[in-house]
Amino acid sequence: MERIFTADLRMLETIQLQVEQGLLPPDATARLGYNWGPILSNPAMACLWPELRTQVGPSLRKFIEDSTPERDRLPCQVDLQALRDESVLGRKKKE
């Protein structure tokens, strides 16, 4: 899931930069299917965003964070590190 969001964010950032440079029209983001709306109200993105936000530039970070008012952002209900540990290391045997 994280790889998919990272790829989408990189593409969105590329589109956004090209719009800023005048290479694409202002509505390119929406026309190319990146009109995600309040993306941080998506449970998966809400959980991954704290890590993903460090991998994008400031203008995309602002774009994403401005898309969802603070009060509408979902809190992450998953301990991602524990989930990764269990997935990568395998289930720990109960002693």
PDB file of N, CA and C in Angstrom:
ATOM      1  N   MET A   1       0.833  -1.191   0.000  1.00  0.00           N
ATOM      2  CA  MET A   1       0.000   0.000   0.000  1.00  0.00           C
ATOM      3  C   MET A   1       0.877   1.254   0.000  1.00  0.00           C
ATOM      4  N   GLU A   2       1.926   1.229   0.818  1.00  0.00           N
ATOM      5  CA  GLU A   2       2.788   2.400   0.917  1.00  0.00           C
ATOM      6  C   GLU A   2       3.448   2.707  -0.429  1.00  0.00           C
ATOM      7  N   ARG A   3       3.862   1.649  -1.144  1.00  0.00           N
ATOM      8  CA  ARG A   3       4.480   1.864  -2.462  1.00  0.00           C
ATOM      9  C   ARG A   3       3.512   2.519  -3.432  1.00  0.00           C
ATOM     10  N   ILE A   4       2.268   2.100  -3.389  1.00  0.00           N
ATOM     11  CA  ILE A   4       1.260   2.664  -4.292  1.00  0.00           C
ATOM     12  C   ILE A   4       1.055   4.145  -3.985  1.00  0.00           C
ATOM     13  N   PHE A   5       0.897   4.476  -2.699  1.00  0.00           N
ATOM     14  CA  PHE A   5       0.721   5.880  -2.330  1.00  0.00           C
ATOM     15  C   PHE A   5       1.957   6.698  -2.682  1.00  0.00           C
ATOM     16  N   THR A   6       3.141   6.136  -2.485  1.00  0.00           N
ATOM     17  CA  THR A   6       4.372   6.853  -2.814  1.00  0.00           C
ATOM     18  C   THR A   6       4.428   7.140  -4.310  1.00  0.00           C
ATOM     19  N   ALA A   7       4.101   6.159  -5.123  1.00  0.00           N
ATOM     20  CA  ALA A   7       4.095   6.348  -6.575  1.00  0.00           C
ATOM     21  C   ALA A   7       3.068   7.408  -6.983  1.00  0.00           C
ATOM     22  N   ASP A   8       1.881   7.337  -6.389  1.00  0.00           N
ATOM     23  CA  ASP A   8       0.847   8.336  -6.692  1.00  0.00           C
ATOM     24  C   ASP A   8       1.298   9.740  -6.290  1.00  0.00           C
ATOM     25  N   LEU A   9       1.930   9.843  -5.130  1.00  0.00           N
ATOM     26  CA  LEU A   9       2.390  11.160  -4.678  1.00  0.00           C
ATOM     27  C   LEU A   9       3.487  11.707  -5.581  1.00  0.00           C
ATOM     28  N   ARG A  10       4.363  10.845  -6.035  1.00  0.00           N
ATOM     29  CA  ARG A  10       5.425  11.306  -6.945  1.00  0.00           C
ATOM     30  C   ARG A  10       4.835  11.798  -8.266  1.00  0.00           C
ATOM     31  N   MET A  11       3.839  11.066  -8.774  1.00  0.00           N
ATOM     32  CA  MET A  11       3.193  11.492 -10.017  1.00  0.00           C
ATOM     33  C   MET A  11       2.452  12.810  -9.801  1.00  0.00           C
ATOM     34  N   LEU A  12       1.742  12.920  -8.682  1.00  0.00           N
ATOM     35  CA  LEU A  12       1.027  14.158  -8.376  1.00  0.00           C
ATOM     36  C   LEU A  12       2.001  15.321  -8.256  1.00  0.00           C
ATOM     37  N   GLU A  13       3.133  15.079  -7.628  1.00  0.00           N
ATOM     38  CA  GLU A  13       4.136  16.137  -7.481  1.00  0.00           C
ATOM     39  C   GLU A  13       4.688  16.555  -8.839  1.00  0.00           C
ATOM     40  N   THR A  14       4.899  15.595  -9.725  1.00  0.00           N
ATOM     41  CA  THR A  14       5.375  15.894 -11.082  1.00  0.00           C
ATOM     42  C   THR A  14       4.354  16.743 -11.829  1.00  0.00           C
ATOM     43  N   ILE A  15       3.094  16.363 -11.731  1.00  0.00           N
ATOM     44  CA  ILE A  15       2.028  17.126 -12.388  1.00  0.00           C
ATOM     45  C   ILE A  15       1.980  18.535 -11.821  1.00  0.00           C
ATOM     46  N   GLN A  16       2.032  18.632 -10.511  1.00  0.00           N
ATOM     47  CA  GLN A  16       1.967  19.942  -9.850  1.00  0.00           C
ATOM     48  C   GLN A  16       3.133  20.833 -10.288  1.00  0.00           C
ATOM     49  N   LEU A  17       4.332  20.280 -10.373  1.00  0.00           N
ATOM     50  CA  LEU A  17       5.493  21.063 -10.818  1.00  0.00           C
ATOM     51  C   LEU A  17       5.324  21.528 -12.257  1.00  0.00           C
ATOM     52  N   GLN A  18       4.801  20.657 -13.111  1.00  0.00           N
ATOM     53  CA  GLN A  18       4.595  21.031 -14.500  1.00  0.00           C
ATOM     54  C   GLN A  18       3.514  22.099 -14.649  1.00  0.00           C
ATOM     55  N   VAL A  19       2.519  22.073 -13.784  1.00  0.00           N
ATOM     56  CA  VAL A  19       1.506  23.137 -13.778  1.00  0.00           C
ATOM     57  C   VAL A  19       2.159  24.446 -13.362  1.00  0.00           C
ATOM     58  N   GLU A  20       2.975  24.400 -12.297  1.00  0.00           N
ATOM     59  CA  GLU A  20       3.661  25.610 -11.821  1.00  0.00           C
ATOM     60  C   GLU A  20       4.588  26.189 -12.885  1.00  0.00           C
ATOM     61  N   GLN A  21       5.201  25.330 -13.697  1.00  0.00           N
ATOM     62  CA  GLN A  21       6.114  25.767 -14.747  1.00  0.00           C
ATOM     63  C   GLN A  21       5.390  26.178 -16.026  1.00  0.00           C
ATOM     64  N   GLY A  22       4.078  26.008 -16.057  1.00  0.00           N
ATOM     65  CA  GLY A  22       3.300  26.377 -17.224  1.00  0.00           C
ATOM     66  C   GLY A  22       3.316  25.338 -18.327  1.00  0.00           C
ATOM     67  N   LEU A  23       3.829  24.159 -18.046  1.00  0.00           N
ATOM     68  CA  LEU A  23       3.882  23.102 -19.053  1.00  0.00           C
ATOM     69  C   LEU A  23       2.557  22.356 -19.183  1.00  0.00           C
ATOM     70  N   LEU A  24       1.763  22.389 -18.129  1.00  0.00           N
ATOM     71  CA  LEU A  24       0.427  21.796 -18.138  1.00  0.00           C
ATOM     72  C   LEU A  24      -0.579  22.853 -17.712  1.00  0.00           C
ATOM     73  N   PRO A  25      -1.825  22.730 -18.164  1.00  0.00           N
ATOM     74  CA  PRO A  25      -2.853  23.698 -17.762  1.00  0.00           C
ATOM     75  C   PRO A  25      -3.176  23.589 -16.270  1.00  0.00           C
ATOM     76  N   PRO A  26      -3.721  24.651 -15.681  1.00  0.00           N
ATOM     77  CA  PRO A  26      -4.025  24.664 -14.241  1.00  0.00           C
ATOM     78  C   PRO A  26      -4.944  23.532 -13.771  1.00  0.00           C
ATOM     79  N   ASP A  27      -5.802  23.035 -14.642  1.00  0.00           N
ATOM     80  CA  ASP A  27      -6.723  21.968 -14.232  1.00  0.00           C
ATOM     81  C   ASP A  27      -6.173  20.565 -14.502  1.00  0.00           C
ATOM     82  N   ALA A  28      -4.893  20.450 -14.814  1.00  0.00           N
ATOM     83  CA  ALA A  28      -4.302  19.153 -15.157  1.00  0.00           C
ATOM     84  C   ALA A  28      -4.428  18.138 -14.029  1.00  0.00           C
ATOM     85  N   THR A  29      -4.277  18.582 -12.806  1.00  0.00           N
ATOM     86  CA  THR A  29      -4.372  17.662 -11.674  1.00  0.00           C
ATOM     87  C   THR A  29      -5.720  16.943 -11.681  1.00  0.00           C
ATOM     88  N   ALA A  30      -6.775  17.689 -11.829  1.00  0.00           N
ATOM     89  CA  ALA A  30      -8.120  17.096 -11.854  1.00  0.00           C
ATOM     90  C   ALA A  30      -8.334  16.276 -13.129  1.00  0.00           C
ATOM     91  N   ARG A  31      -7.908  16.804 -14.261  1.00  0.00           N
ATOM     92  CA  ARG A  31      -8.123  16.112 -15.537  1.00  0.00           C
ATOM     93  C   ARG A  31      -7.381  14.780 -15.608  1.00  0.00           C
ATOM     94  N   LEU A  32      -6.270  14.686 -14.876  1.00  0.00           N
ATOM     95  CA  LEU A  32      -5.488  13.448 -14.887  1.00  0.00           C
ATOM     96  C   LEU A  32      -5.881  12.498 -13.745  1.00  0.00           C
ATOM     97  N   GLY A  33      -6.949  12.843 -13.031  1.00  0.00           N
ATOM     98  CA  GLY A  33      -7.489  11.940 -12.023  1.00  0.00           C
ATOM     99  C   GLY A  33      -6.899  12.096 -10.633  1.00  0.00           C
ATOM    100  N   TYR A  34      -6.224  13.201 -10.383  1.00  0.00           N
ATOM    101  CA  TYR A  34      -5.629  13.420  -9.069  1.00  0.00           C
ATOM    102  C   TYR A  34      -6.391  14.436  -8.241  1.00  0.00           C
ATOM    103  N   ASN A  35      -7.683  14.503  -8.455  1.00  0.00           N
ATOM    104  CA  ASN A  35      -8.543  15.359  -7.632  1.00  0.00           C
ATOM    105  C   ASN A  35      -9.102  14.507  -6.499  1.00  0.00           C
ATOM    106  N   TRP A  36      -8.241  14.170  -5.564  1.00  0.00           N
ATOM    107  CA  TRP A  36      -8.561  13.235  -4.498  1.00  0.00           C
ATOM    108  C   TRP A  36      -9.492  13.804  -3.448  1.00  0.00           C
ATOM    109  N   GLY A  37      -9.679  15.093  -3.427  1.00  0.00           N
ATOM    110  CA  GLY A  37     -10.517  15.684  -2.390  1.00  0.00           C
ATOM    111  C   GLY A  37      -9.805  15.638  -1.051  1.00  0.00           C
ATOM    112  N   PRO A  38     -10.540  15.461   0.024  1.00  0.00           N
ATOM    113  CA  PRO A  38      -9.922  15.454   1.360  1.00  0.00           C
ATOM    114  C   PRO A  38      -9.179  14.135   1.626  1.00  0.00           C
ATOM    115  N   ILE A  39      -8.001  14.015   1.079  1.00  0.00           N
ATOM    116  CA  ILE A  39      -7.264  12.745   1.082  1.00  0.00           C
ATOM    117  C   ILE A  39      -6.918  12.248   2.487  1.00  0.00           C
ATOM    118  N   LEU A  40      -6.710  13.147   3.426  1.00  0.00           N
ATOM    119  CA  LEU A  40      -6.343  12.691   4.767  1.00  0.00           C
ATOM    120  C   LEU A  40      -7.537  12.195   5.580  1.00  0.00           C
ATOM    121  N   SER A  41      -8.715  12.163   4.950  1.00  0.00           N
ATOM    122  CA  SER A  41      -9.861  11.517   5.584  1.00  0.00           C
ATOM    123  C   SER A  41      -9.931  10.046   5.166  1.00  0.00           C
ATOM    124  N   ASN A  42      -9.014   9.630   4.305  1.00  0.00           N
ATOM    125  CA  ASN A  42      -8.875   8.237   3.910  1.00  0.00           C
ATOM    126  C   ASN A  42      -8.065   7.530   5.000  1.00  0.00           C
ATOM    127  N   PRO A  43      -8.590   6.464   5.609  1.00  0.00           N
ATOM    128  CA  PRO A  43      -7.882   5.814   6.721  1.00  0.00           C
ATOM    129  C   PRO A  43      -6.467   5.355   6.385  1.00  0.00           C
ATOM    130  N   ALA A  44      -6.271   4.803   5.202  1.00  0.00           N
ATOM    131  CA  ALA A  44      -4.933   4.330   4.824  1.00  0.00           C
ATOM    132  C   ALA A  44      -3.965   5.497   4.689  1.00  0.00           C
ATOM    133  N   MET A  45      -4.390   6.546   4.019  1.00  0.00           N
ATOM    134  CA  MET A  45      -3.510   7.698   3.836  1.00  0.00           C
ATOM    135  C   MET A  45      -3.256   8.396   5.167  1.00  0.00           C
ATOM    136  N   ALA A  46      -4.251   8.433   6.030  1.00  0.00           N
ATOM    137  CA  ALA A  46      -4.063   9.059   7.342  1.00  0.00           C
ATOM    138  C   ALA A  46      -2.969   8.351   8.132  1.00  0.00           C
ATOM    139  N   CYS A  47      -2.903   7.033   8.008  1.00  0.00           N
ATOM    140  CA  CYS A  47      -1.872   6.273   8.721  1.00  0.00           C
ATOM    141  C   CYS A  47      -0.496   6.434   8.074  1.00  0.00           C
ATOM    142  N   LEU A  48      -0.457   6.462   6.769  1.00  0.00           N
ATOM    143  CA  LEU A  48       0.827   6.517   6.068  1.00  0.00           C
ATOM    144  C   LEU A  48       1.386   7.928   5.920  1.00  0.00           C
ATOM    145  N   TRP A  49       0.533   8.941   5.997  1.00  0.00           N
ATOM    146  CA  TRP A  49       0.954  10.303   5.733  1.00  0.00           C
ATOM    147  C   TRP A  49       2.126  10.785   6.594  1.00  0.00           C
ATOM    148  N   PRO A  50       2.159  10.512   7.882  1.00  0.00           N
ATOM    149  CA  PRO A  50       3.303  10.992   8.673  1.00  0.00           C
ATOM    150  C   PRO A  50       4.658  10.558   8.105  1.00  0.00           C
ATOM    151  N   GLU A  51       4.732   9.359   7.536  1.00  0.00           N
ATOM    152  CA  GLU A  51       5.976   8.909   6.921  1.00  0.00           C
ATOM    153  C   GLU A  51       6.118   9.431   5.493  1.00  0.00           C
ATOM    154  N   LEU A  52       5.025   9.424   4.746  1.00  0.00           N
ATOM    155  CA  LEU A  52       5.081   9.856   3.348  1.00  0.00           C
ATOM    156  C   LEU A  52       5.373  11.345   3.208  1.00  0.00           C
ATOM    157  N   ARG A  53       4.928  12.137   4.169  1.00  0.00           N
ATOM    158  CA  ARG A  53       5.084  13.597   4.049  1.00  0.00           C
ATOM    159  C   ARG A  53       6.543  14.008   3.995  1.00  0.00           C
ATOM    160  N   THR A  54       7.437  13.172   4.529  1.00  0.00           N
ATOM    161  CA  THR A  54       8.868  13.489   4.494  1.00  0.00           C
ATOM    162  C   THR A  54       9.485  13.178   3.134  1.00  0.00           C
ATOM    163  N   GLN A  55       8.742  12.497   2.273  1.00  0.00           N
ATOM    164  CA  GLN A  55       9.259  12.078   0.976  1.00  0.00           C
ATOM    165  C   GLN A  55       8.806  12.978  -0.172  1.00  0.00           C
ATOM    166  N   VAL A  56       8.064  14.032   0.147  1.00  0.00           N
ATOM    167  CA  VAL A  56       7.581  14.939  -0.895  1.00  0.00           C
ATOM    168  C   VAL A  56       8.033  16.362  -0.593  1.00  0.00           C
ATOM    169  N   GLY A  57       7.968  17.197  -1.604  1.00  0.00           N
ATOM    170  CA  GLY A  57       8.373  18.579  -1.434  1.00  0.00           C
ATOM    171  C   GLY A  57       7.342  19.406  -0.680  1.00  0.00           C
ATOM    172  N   PRO A  58       7.747  20.619  -0.285  1.00  0.00           N
ATOM    173  CA  PRO A  58       6.862  21.470   0.525  1.00  0.00           C
ATOM    174  C   PRO A  58       5.550  21.847  -0.166  1.00  0.00           C
ATOM    175  N   SER A  59       5.571  22.066  -1.470  1.00  0.00           N
ATOM    176  CA  SER A  59       4.320  22.486  -2.128  1.00  0.00           C
ATOM    177  C   SER A  59       3.313  21.338  -2.171  1.00  0.00           C
ATOM    178  N   LEU A  60       3.786  20.112  -2.378  1.00  0.00           N
ATOM    179  CA  LEU A  60       2.855  18.978  -2.371  1.00  0.00           C
ATOM    180  C   LEU A  60       2.380  18.699  -0.953  1.00  0.00           C
ATOM    181  N   ARG A  61       3.268  18.840   0.018  1.00  0.00           N
ATOM    182  CA  ARG A  61       2.882  18.659   1.421  1.00  0.00           C
ATOM    183  C   ARG A  61       1.749  19.625   1.759  1.00  0.00           C
ATOM    184  N   LYS A  62       1.895  20.873   1.351  1.00  0.00           N
ATOM    185  CA  LYS A  62       0.867  21.891   1.601  1.00  0.00           C
ATOM    186  C   LYS A  62      -0.434  21.528   0.878  1.00  0.00           C
ATOM    187  N   PHE A  63      -0.310  21.101  -0.376  1.00  0.00           N
ATOM    188  CA  PHE A  63      -1.476  20.717  -1.174  1.00  0.00           C
ATOM    189  C   PHE A  63      -2.271  19.609  -0.479  1.00  0.00           C
ATOM    190  N   ILE A  64      -1.570  18.572  -0.013  1.00  0.00           N
ATOM    191  CA  ILE A  64      -2.229  17.443   0.649  1.00  0.00           C
ATOM    192  C   ILE A  64      -2.843  17.876   1.977  1.00  0.00           C
ATOM    193  N   GLU A  65      -2.068  18.579   2.780  1.00  0.00           N
ATOM    194  CA  GLU A  65      -2.560  18.967   4.102  1.00  0.00           C
ATOM    195  C   GLU A  65      -3.678  19.998   4.026  1.00  0.00           C
ATOM    196  N   ASP A  66      -3.644  20.866   3.020  1.00  0.00           N
ATOM    197  CA  ASP A  66      -4.729  21.835   2.844  1.00  0.00           C
ATOM    198  C   ASP A  66      -6.006  21.178   2.321  1.00  0.00           C
ATOM    199  N   SER A  67      -5.882  19.964   1.752  1.00  0.00           N
ATOM    200  CA  SER A  67      -7.058  19.300   1.184  1.00  0.00           C
ATOM    201  C   SER A  67      -8.027  18.811   2.263  1.00  0.00           C
ATOM    202  N   THR A  68      -7.519  18.623   3.475  1.00  0.00           N
ATOM    203  CA  THR A  68      -8.350  18.077   4.547  1.00  0.00           C
ATOM    204  C   THR A  68      -8.195  18.916   5.804  1.00  0.00           C
ATOM    205  N   PRO A  69      -9.247  19.607   6.218  1.00  0.00           N
ATOM    206  CA  PRO A  69      -9.156  20.374   7.471  1.00  0.00           C
ATOM    207  C   PRO A  69      -8.767  19.454   8.632  1.00  0.00           C
ATOM    208  N   GLU A  70      -8.044  19.987   9.572  1.00  0.00           N
ATOM    209  CA  GLU A  70      -7.555  19.214  10.727  1.00  0.00           C
ATOM    210  C   GLU A  70      -8.675  18.419  11.405  1.00  0.00           C
ATOM    211  N   ARG A  71      -9.834  19.032  11.556  1.00  0.00           N
ATOM    212  CA  ARG A  71     -10.941  18.366  12.263  1.00  0.00           C
ATOM    213  C   ARG A  71     -11.505  17.177  11.484  1.00  0.00           C
ATOM    214  N   ASP A  72     -11.262  17.116  10.170  1.00  0.00           N
ATOM    215  CA  ASP A  72     -11.784  16.028   9.344  1.00  0.00           C
ATOM    216  C   ASP A  72     -10.780  14.903   9.109  1.00  0.00           C
ATOM    217  N   ARG A  73      -9.567  15.056   9.621  1.00  0.00           N
ATOM    218  CA  ARG A  73      -8.542  14.029   9.422  1.00  0.00           C
ATOM    219  C   ARG A  73      -8.792  12.864  10.367  1.00  0.00           C
ATOM    220  N   LEU A  74      -8.678  11.683   9.826  1.00  0.00           N
ATOM    221  CA  LEU A  74      -8.887  10.492  10.648  1.00  0.00           C
ATOM    222  C   LEU A  74      -7.612  10.150  11.411  1.00  0.00           C
ATOM    223  N   PRO A  75      -7.755   9.785  12.659  1.00  0.00           N
ATOM    224  CA  PRO A  75      -6.577   9.321  13.402  1.00  0.00           C
ATOM    225  C   PRO A  75      -6.236   7.895  12.959  1.00  0.00           C
ATOM    226  N   CYS A  76      -4.966   7.587  12.931  1.00  0.00           N
ATOM    227  CA  CYS A  76      -4.542   6.236  12.559  1.00  0.00           C
ATOM    228  C   CYS A  76      -4.846   5.278  13.708  1.00  0.00           C
ATOM    229  N   GLN A  77      -5.523   4.204  13.399  1.00  0.00           N
ATOM    230  CA  GLN A  77      -5.910   3.212  14.405  1.00  0.00           C
ATOM    231  C   GLN A  77      -5.000   1.984  14.379  1.00  0.00           C
ATOM    232  N   VAL A  78      -3.930   2.040  13.585  1.00  0.00           N
ATOM    233  CA  VAL A  78      -3.070   0.883  13.378  1.00  0.00           C
ATOM    234  C   VAL A  78      -1.653   1.204  13.842  1.00  0.00           C
ATOM    235  N   ASP A  79      -1.035   0.287  14.542  1.00  0.00           N
ATOM    236  CA  ASP A  79       0.372   0.418  14.905  1.00  0.00           C
ATOM    237  C   ASP A  79       1.167  -0.126  13.722  1.00  0.00           C
ATOM    238  N   LEU A  80       1.568   0.769  12.827  1.00  0.00           N
ATOM    239  CA  LEU A  80       2.227   0.344  11.598  1.00  0.00           C
ATOM    240  C   LEU A  80       3.533  -0.392  11.860  1.00  0.00           C
ATOM    241  N   GLN A  81       4.306   0.057  12.832  1.00  0.00           N
ATOM    242  CA  GLN A  81       5.579  -0.607  13.110  1.00  0.00           C
ATOM    243  C   GLN A  81       5.363  -2.037  13.577  1.00  0.00           C
ATOM    244  N   ALA A  82       4.392  -2.244  14.448  1.00  0.00           N
ATOM    245  CA  ALA A  82       4.092  -3.598  14.909  1.00  0.00           C
ATOM    246  C   ALA A  82       3.608  -4.470  13.751  1.00  0.00           C
ATOM    247  N   LEU A  83       2.798  -3.899  12.878  1.00  0.00           N
ATOM    248  CA  LEU A  83       2.306  -4.634  11.716  1.00  0.00           C
ATOM    249  C   LEU A  83       3.455  -4.998  10.788  1.00  0.00           C
ATOM    250  N   ARG A  84       4.365  -4.052  10.568  1.00  0.00           N
ATOM    251  CA  ARG A  84       5.540  -4.342   9.731  1.00  0.00           C
ATOM    252  C   ARG A  84       6.401  -5.431  10.363  1.00  0.00           C
ATOM    253  N   ASP A  85       6.628  -5.314  11.651  1.00  0.00           N
ATOM    254  CA  ASP A  85       7.441  -6.313  12.340  1.00  0.00           C
ATOM    255  C   ASP A  85       6.836  -7.699  12.199  1.00  0.00           C
ATOM    256  N   GLU A  86       5.532  -7.793  12.371  1.00  0.00           N
ATOM    257  CA  GLU A  86       4.867  -9.082  12.261  1.00  0.00           C
ATOM    258  C   GLU A  86       4.912  -9.608  10.833  1.00  0.00           C
ATOM    259  N   SER A  87       4.772  -8.716   9.863  1.00  0.00           N
ATOM    260  CA  SER A  87       4.782  -9.115   8.457  1.00  0.00           C
ATOM    261  C   SER A  87       6.171  -9.539   8.003  1.00  0.00           C
ATOM    262  N   VAL A  88       7.175  -8.777   8.394  1.00  0.00           N
ATOM    263  CA  VAL A  88       8.533  -9.026   7.938  1.00  0.00           C
ATOM    264  C   VAL A  88       9.215 -10.115   8.752  1.00  0.00           C
ATOM    265  N   LEU A  89       9.036 -10.059  10.051  1.00  0.00           N
ATOM    266  CA  LEU A  89       9.726 -10.999  10.926  1.00  0.00           C
ATOM    267  C   LEU A  89       8.944 -12.288  11.150  1.00  0.00           C
ATOM    268  N   GLY A  90       7.711 -12.291  10.758  1.00  0.00           N
ATOM    269  CA  GLY A  90       6.868 -13.455  10.994  1.00  0.00           C
ATOM    270  C   GLY A  90       6.214 -13.351  12.353  1.00  0.00           C
ATOM    271  N   ARG A  91       5.185 -14.074  12.534  1.00  0.00           N
ATOM    272  CA  ARG A  91       4.480 -14.057  13.824  1.00  0.00           C
ATOM    273  C   ARG A  91       5.383 -14.603  14.912  1.00  0.00           C
ATOM    274  N   LYS A  92       5.438 -13.876  15.974  1.00  0.00           N
ATOM    275  CA  LYS A  92       6.239 -14.319  17.118  1.00  0.00           C
ATOM    276  C   LYS A  92       5.476 -15.414  17.852  1.00  0.00           C
ATOM    277  N   LYS A  93       6.189 -16.449  18.199  1.00  0.00           N
ATOM    278  CA  LYS A  93       5.555 -17.550  18.917  1.00  0.00           C
ATOM    279  C   LYS A  93       5.285 -17.141  20.351  1.00  0.00           C
ATOM    280  N   LYS A  94       4.115 -17.496  20.829  1.00  0.00           N
ATOM    281  CA  LYS A  94       3.765 -17.185  22.220  1.00  0.00           C
ATOM    282  C   LYS A  94       4.549 -18.127  23.128  1.00  0.00           C
ATOM    283  N   GLU A  95       5.103 -17.548  24.160  1.00  0.00           N
ATOM    284  CA  GLU A  95       5.885 -18.358  25.093  1.00  0.00           C
ATOM    285  C   GLU A  95       5.050 -18.828  26.242  1.00  0.00           C
TER     286      GLU A  95
END
